Amino acid sequence: MRTDPVGFVQGMSGTGAAVLAAALALTAVAAWWLRTRDGRLRAAQEEESVGGPTAVLEGLGVRPADADLTVVQFSTAFCGPCRTTRARLQHLQATRPGLAYVHVDAESSLDAVRELDVRRTPTLFYLDRRGRLLGRSSGAPRPEELTALVDAHTGPRS
């Protein structure tokens, strides 16, 4: 096969070009889909909100009755977005007295990670004062969405 001066293969068949175009389109759609889900709060399913993860989280020392909103973050030592999320949550906790933040090292709590189906870090669980799971998110949450969620359950900053 010969290449032109720019490096393109001359004589590529129409089928090859169509396969290449389809692969690029599929990659673009997959990237868009992953980006829209990253850090998004997902509401708890009915079976999750009753019992389920709350018992596992309480086994890790989480006490949702102590605050209006408790955010539990599963993270790992080498996760960059985990550090950013942790700093953001600690800042929110300092300015909103109704917020409790609990950090869980995923590598040290593998049984809980399996039971809660934590597949990536950071994964956050949001619990109300009654211990009911409000939702969860995987990946770094968007700052404005995290602040809005905290404000909705704890009131605006003090």
Protein backbone atom coordinates (compact mmCIF):
# COMPACT_ATOMS: atom_id res chain seq x y z
CA MET A 1 0.00 0.00 0.00
CA ARG A 2 1.20 3.43 -0.83
CA THR A 3 0.71 6.51 1.29
CA ASP A 4 0.37 10.05 0.12
CA PRO A 5 2.67 12.81 1.48
CA VAL A 6 0.34 13.42 4.46
CA GLY A 7 0.39 9.75 5.49
CA PHE A 8 -3.06 8.63 4.34
CA VAL A 9 -3.38 5.21 2.81
CA GLN A 10 -4.24 5.42 -0.83
CA GLY A 11 -6.79 3.03 -2.16
CA MET A 12 -8.75 2.52 1.10
CA SER A 13 -11.95 0.73 0.27
CA GLY A 14 -15.36 2.20 0.91
CA THR A 15 -16.01 -0.54 3.46
CA GLY A 16 -12.88 0.38 5.42
CA ALA A 17 -13.88 4.03 5.47
CA ALA A 18 -17.41 3.14 6.61
CA VAL A 19 -16.06 0.93 9.42
CA LEU A 20 -13.71 3.70 10.52
CA ALA A 21 -16.53 6.28 10.49
CA ALA A 22 -18.83 3.96 12.44
CA ALA A 23 -16.12 3.27 15.05
CA LEU A 24 -15.48 7.00 15.50
CA ALA A 25 -19.20 7.73 15.81
CA LEU A 26 -19.67 4.93 18.36
CA THR A 27 -16.70 6.20 20.37
CA ALA A 28 -18.11 9.73 20.37
CA VAL A 29 -21.54 8.52 21.55
CA ALA A 30 -19.98 6.39 24.31
CA ALA A 31 -17.83 9.31 25.50
CA TRP A 32 -20.86 11.62 25.57
CA TRP A 33 -22.93 9.06 27.50
CA LEU A 34 -20.20 8.53 30.11
CA ARG A 35 -19.68 12.26 30.51
CA THR A 36 -23.38 12.92 31.12
CA ARG A 37 -23.48 10.24 33.86
CA ASP A 38 -20.22 11.18 35.59
CA GLY A 39 -20.90 12.66 39.01
CA ARG A 40 -24.69 12.77 38.48
CA LEU A 41 -26.88 12.21 41.49
CA ARG A 42 -29.07 9.17 41.01
CA ALA A 43 -32.13 8.96 43.23
CA ALA A 44 -32.38 5.87 45.41
CA GLN A 45 -34.46 3.01 44.12
CA GLU A 46 -37.39 2.02 46.36
CA GLU A 47 -35.65 -1.16 47.55
CA GLU A 48 -32.46 0.84 48.32
CA SER A 49 -34.20 3.53 50.33
CA VAL A 50 -35.66 1.05 52.83
CA GLY A 51 -32.95 -0.70 54.85
CA GLY A 52 -30.40 -1.90 52.27
CA PRO A 53 -27.28 0.24 52.20
CA THR A 54 -28.09 2.08 55.40
CA ALA A 55 -27.26 -0.97 57.53
CA VAL A 56 -23.91 -1.39 55.75
CA LEU A 57 -23.09 2.31 56.15
CA GLU A 58 -24.01 2.29 59.83
CA GLY A 59 -21.66 -0.69 60.21
CA LEU A 60 -18.90 1.65 59.03
CA GLY A 61 -19.71 4.12 61.81
CA VAL A 62 -22.03 6.42 59.85
CA ARG A 63 -24.63 8.08 62.12
CA PRO A 64 -27.20 9.85 59.94
CA ALA A 65 -29.31 10.92 62.93
CA ASP A 66 -26.57 13.43 63.87
CA ALA A 67 -27.17 15.72 60.87
CA ASP A 68 -29.80 16.88 58.40
CA LEU A 69 -27.76 15.42 55.54
CA THR A 70 -24.93 12.90 55.77
CA VAL A 71 -22.64 12.43 52.78
CA VAL A 72 -20.53 9.27 52.76
CA GLN A 73 -17.64 9.27 50.29
CA PHE A 74 -15.85 6.11 49.21
CA SER A 75 -12.43 6.95 47.80
CA THR A 76 -8.93 5.62 47.26
CA ALA A 77 -5.51 7.07 48.02
CA PHE A 78 -4.48 7.75 44.42
CA CYS A 79 -7.79 9.14 43.15
CA GLY A 80 -7.42 12.78 42.07
CA PRO A 81 -11.16 13.55 41.82
CA CYS A 82 -11.56 12.03 45.31
CA ARG A 83 -9.24 14.65 46.82
CA THR A 84 -11.10 17.48 45.07
CA THR A 85 -14.48 16.13 46.18
CA ARG A 86 -13.23 15.68 49.74
CA ALA A 87 -11.98 19.28 49.91
CA ARG A 88 -15.28 20.57 48.49
CA LEU A 89 -17.32 18.58 51.02
CA GLN A 90 -15.12 19.67 53.93
CA HIS A 91 -15.62 23.29 52.87
CA LEU A 92 -19.39 22.80 52.66
CA GLN A 93 -19.38 21.09 56.07
CA ALA A 94 -17.56 24.06 57.61
CA THR A 95 -20.20 26.50 56.33
CA ARG A 96 -23.34 24.38 56.77
CA PRO A 97 -23.88 23.05 60.27
CA GLY A 98 -26.53 20.53 59.17
CA LEU A 99 -24.08 18.61 56.97
CA ALA A 100 -22.05 15.61 58.13
CA TYR A 101 -19.27 14.26 55.95
CA VAL A 102 -17.86 10.76 56.36
CA HIS A 103 -14.84 9.53 54.42
CA VAL A 104 -14.44 5.78 53.82
CA ASP A 105 -11.25 4.29 52.39
CA ALA A 106 -12.56 1.88 49.77
CA GLU A 107 -9.41 -0.25 49.87
CA SER A 108 -9.82 -0.87 53.61
CA SER A 109 -13.55 -1.59 53.41
CA LEU A 110 -13.79 -4.11 50.59
CA ASP A 111 -16.77 -5.99 52.06
CA ALA A 112 -18.81 -2.78 52.18
CA VAL A 113 -17.63 -1.84 48.69
CA ARG A 114 -18.96 -5.16 47.37
CA GLU A 115 -22.24 -4.95 49.27
CA LEU A 116 -22.89 -1.38 48.12
CA ASP A 117 -21.78 -2.06 44.53
CA VAL A 118 -19.15 0.69 44.54
CA ARG A 119 -17.53 0.36 41.12
CA ARG A 120 -15.50 3.56 40.94
CA THR A 121 -14.27 6.35 43.12
CA PRO A 122 -15.38 8.73 44.31
CA THR A 123 -18.78 7.22 45.04
CA LEU A 124 -21.01 9.25 47.33
CA PHE A 125 -24.10 8.19 49.29
CA TYR A 126 -26.55 10.82 50.55
CA LEU A 127 -28.60 10.02 53.68
CA ASP A 128 -31.25 12.08 55.45
CA ARG A 129 -31.61 12.37 59.24
CA ARG A 130 -33.81 9.24 59.38
CA GLY A 131 -31.10 7.21 57.66
CA ARG A 132 -33.04 6.96 54.43
CA LEU A 133 -30.88 6.83 51.30
CA LEU A 134 -31.68 9.88 49.17
CA GLY A 135 -29.36 8.97 46.34
CA ARG A 136 -25.84 8.21 45.22
CA SER A 137 -23.35 9.45 42.67
CA SER A 138 -20.27 7.96 41.05
CA GLY A 139 -17.47 10.16 39.83
CA ALA A 140 -16.73 13.70 40.92
CA PRO A 141 -20.00 15.58 41.43
CA ARG A 142 -20.41 18.92 39.71
CA PRO A 143 -19.79 21.70 42.25
CA GLU A 144 -23.06 23.54 41.59
CA GLU A 145 -25.15 20.34 41.83
CA LEU A 146 -23.44 19.29 45.06
CA THR A 147 -23.97 22.72 46.61
CA ALA A 148 -27.63 22.77 45.53
CA LEU A 149 -28.23 19.32 47.03
CA VAL A 150 -26.59 20.28 50.32
CA ASP A 151 -28.49 23.56 50.50
CA ALA A 152 -31.79 21.80 49.78
CA HIS A 153 -31.35 19.57 52.83
CA THR A 154 -29.39 21.76 55.25
CA GLY A 155 -30.42 25.29 54.31
CA PRO A 156 -28.17 27.95 52.77
CA ARG A 157 -24.70 28.70 54.09
CA SER A 158 -24.40 30.22 57.52
